[in-house]
Amino acid sequence: MTNRQITLDIPERVLLAEKADEASFARELRLLAAVKLYELGRLSSGRAAELAGLPRVEFLLALGRYQVFPLAAELSDLEQEQRRA
């Protein structure tokens, strides 16, 4: 599978406010995007980990830093199955 590159213009003031260089800020943005898309149910944990550039286990462990429950989608599926039964 090939990767696509997306370019974002980030104001220098944002980098200064974050006290981050471009590379570390880019990594953080990828992780934040992956976490949010996972939280919204738009990406599976595997695809979100791929977006974040992390192994799946590391991604799931990182979710705690952002107060996102790592098994929310699985729990929701189980609850729906229980209601149907």
C-alpha atoms as a PDB file:
ATOM      1  CA  MET A   1       0.000   0.000   0.000  1.00  0.00           C
ATOM      2  CA  THR A   2       1.319   3.426  -0.870  1.00  0.00           C
ATOM      3  CA  ASN A   3       1.331   6.469   1.369  1.00  0.00           C
ATOM      4  CA  ARG A   4      -0.011   9.865   0.451  1.00  0.00           C
ATOM      5  CA  GLN A   5       1.530  13.074   1.674  1.00  0.00           C
ATOM      6  CA  ILE A   6      -0.608  15.927   2.973  1.00  0.00           C
ATOM      7  CA  THR A   7       0.967  19.315   3.519  1.00  0.00           C
ATOM      8  CA  LEU A   8      -0.259  21.672   6.230  1.00  0.00           C
ATOM      9  CA  ASP A   9       0.714  25.287   6.714  1.00  0.00           C
ATOM     10  CA  ILE A  10       1.378  25.814  10.406  1.00  0.00           C
ATOM     11  CA  PRO A  11       1.856  29.373  11.643  1.00  0.00           C
ATOM     12  CA  GLU A  12       5.272  29.850  13.212  1.00  0.00           C
ATOM     13  CA  ARG A  13       3.552  31.299  16.287  1.00  0.00           C
ATOM     14  CA  VAL A  14       1.924  27.921  16.900  1.00  0.00           C
ATOM     15  CA  LEU A  15       5.298  26.169  16.835  1.00  0.00           C
ATOM     16  CA  LEU A  16       6.696  28.790  19.186  1.00  0.00           C
ATOM     17  CA  ALA A  17       3.706  28.464  21.532  1.00  0.00           C
ATOM     18  CA  GLU A  18       4.122  24.687  21.556  1.00  0.00           C
ATOM     19  CA  LYS A  19       7.897  25.014  21.977  1.00  0.00           C
ATOM     20  CA  ALA A  20       8.242  22.362  19.291  1.00  0.00           C
ATOM     21  CA  ASP A  21      10.268  21.882  16.171  1.00  0.00           C
ATOM     22  CA  GLU A  22       8.534  20.953  12.925  1.00  0.00           C
ATOM     23  CA  ALA A  23       9.286  17.225  13.108  1.00  0.00           C
ATOM     24  CA  SER A  24       8.064  16.709  16.668  1.00  0.00           C
ATOM     25  CA  PHE A  25       4.969  18.840  16.043  1.00  0.00           C
ATOM     26  CA  ALA A  26       4.165  16.800  12.916  1.00  0.00           C
ATOM     27  CA  ARG A  27       4.431  13.545  14.906  1.00  0.00           C
ATOM     28  CA  GLU A  28       2.141  14.948  17.596  1.00  0.00           C
ATOM     29  CA  LEU A  29      -0.411  16.084  14.997  1.00  0.00           C
ATOM     30  CA  ARG A  30      -0.459  12.614  13.436  1.00  0.00           C
ATOM     31  CA  LEU A  31      -1.029  11.030  16.832  1.00  0.00           C
ATOM     32  CA  LEU A  32      -3.725  13.541  17.801  1.00  0.00           C
ATOM     33  CA  ALA A  33      -5.542  13.029  14.493  1.00  0.00           C
ATOM     34  CA  ALA A  34      -5.352   9.261  14.911  1.00  0.00           C
ATOM     35  CA  VAL A  35      -6.654   9.423  18.488  1.00  0.00           C
ATOM     36  CA  LYS A  36      -9.590  11.638  17.531  1.00  0.00           C
ATOM     37  CA  LEU A  37     -10.549   9.597  14.471  1.00  0.00           C
ATOM     38  CA  TYR A  38     -10.411   6.449  16.603  1.00  0.00           C
ATOM     39  CA  GLU A  39     -12.461   8.108  19.348  1.00  0.00           C
ATOM     40  CA  LEU A  40     -15.117   9.110  16.789  1.00  0.00           C
ATOM     41  CA  GLY A  41     -15.241   5.559  15.471  1.00  0.00           C
ATOM     42  CA  ARG A  42     -14.021   6.596  12.033  1.00  0.00           C
ATOM     43  CA  LEU A  43     -10.851   4.467  12.214  1.00  0.00           C
ATOM     44  CA  SER A  44     -10.206   1.096  13.783  1.00  0.00           C
ATOM     45  CA  SER A  45      -7.416   0.901  16.325  1.00  0.00           C
ATOM     46  CA  GLY A  46      -5.204  -0.767  13.722  1.00  0.00           C
ATOM     47  CA  ARG A  47      -5.738   1.928  11.091  1.00  0.00           C
ATOM     48  CA  ALA A  48      -5.398   4.690  13.699  1.00  0.00           C
ATOM     49  CA  ALA A  49      -2.114   3.171  14.855  1.00  0.00           C
ATOM     50  CA  GLU A  50      -0.959   3.097  11.241  1.00  0.00           C
ATOM     51  CA  LEU A  51      -1.830   6.800  10.854  1.00  0.00           C
ATOM     52  CA  ALA A  52       0.010   7.603  14.085  1.00  0.00           C
ATOM     53  CA  GLY A  53       3.052   5.662  12.903  1.00  0.00           C
ATOM     54  CA  LEU A  54       2.958   3.398  15.967  1.00  0.00           C
ATOM     55  CA  PRO A  55       2.520  -0.307  16.594  1.00  0.00           C
ATOM     56  CA  ARG A  56      -1.101  -1.038  17.563  1.00  0.00           C
ATOM     57  CA  VAL A  57      -0.239  -1.914  21.177  1.00  0.00           C
ATOM     58  CA  GLU A  58       1.683   1.355  21.618  1.00  0.00           C
ATOM     59  CA  PHE A  59      -1.223   3.293  20.116  1.00  0.00           C
ATOM     60  CA  LEU A  60      -3.708   1.646  22.479  1.00  0.00           C
ATOM     61  CA  LEU A  61      -1.460   2.450  25.434  1.00  0.00           C
ATOM     62  CA  ALA A  62      -1.106   6.064  24.254  1.00  0.00           C
ATOM     63  CA  LEU A  63      -4.886   6.552  24.315  1.00  0.00           C
ATOM     64  CA  GLY A  64      -4.781   6.869  28.098  1.00  0.00           C
ATOM     65  CA  ARG A  65      -2.756  10.077  27.819  1.00  0.00           C
ATOM     66  CA  TYR A  66      -5.708  11.596  25.952  1.00  0.00           C
ATOM     67  CA  GLN A  67      -8.368  10.089  28.245  1.00  0.00           C
ATOM     68  CA  VAL A  68      -9.752   7.893  25.470  1.00  0.00           C
ATOM     69  CA  PHE A  69     -10.899   4.416  26.478  1.00  0.00           C
ATOM     70  CA  PRO A  70      -8.998   1.987  24.235  1.00  0.00           C
ATOM     71  CA  LEU A  71     -11.782  -0.552  23.836  1.00  0.00           C
ATOM     72  CA  ALA A  72     -14.782   1.772  23.434  1.00  0.00           C
ATOM     73  CA  ALA A  73     -15.749   0.403  20.013  1.00  0.00           C
ATOM     74  CA  GLU A  74     -15.497  -3.199  21.162  1.00  0.00           C
ATOM     75  CA  LEU A  75     -17.533  -2.436  24.291  1.00  0.00           C
ATOM     76  CA  SER A  76     -20.208  -0.720  22.201  1.00  0.00           C
ATOM     77  CA  ASP A  77     -20.422  -3.749  19.883  1.00  0.00           C
ATOM     78  CA  LEU A  78     -20.828  -6.075  22.870  1.00  0.00           C
ATOM     79  CA  GLU A  79     -23.580  -3.879  24.345  1.00  0.00           C
ATOM     80  CA  GLN A  80     -25.475  -3.897  21.033  1.00  0.00           C
ATOM     81  CA  GLU A  81     -25.190  -7.674  20.773  1.00  0.00           C
ATOM     82  CA  GLN A  82     -26.480  -8.055  24.319  1.00  0.00           C
ATOM     83  CA  ARG A  83     -29.520  -5.871  23.552  1.00  0.00           C
ATOM     84  CA  ARG A  84     -30.339  -7.990  20.493  1.00  0.00           C
ATOM     85  CA  ALA A  85     -30.163 -11.230  22.470  1.00  0.00           C
END
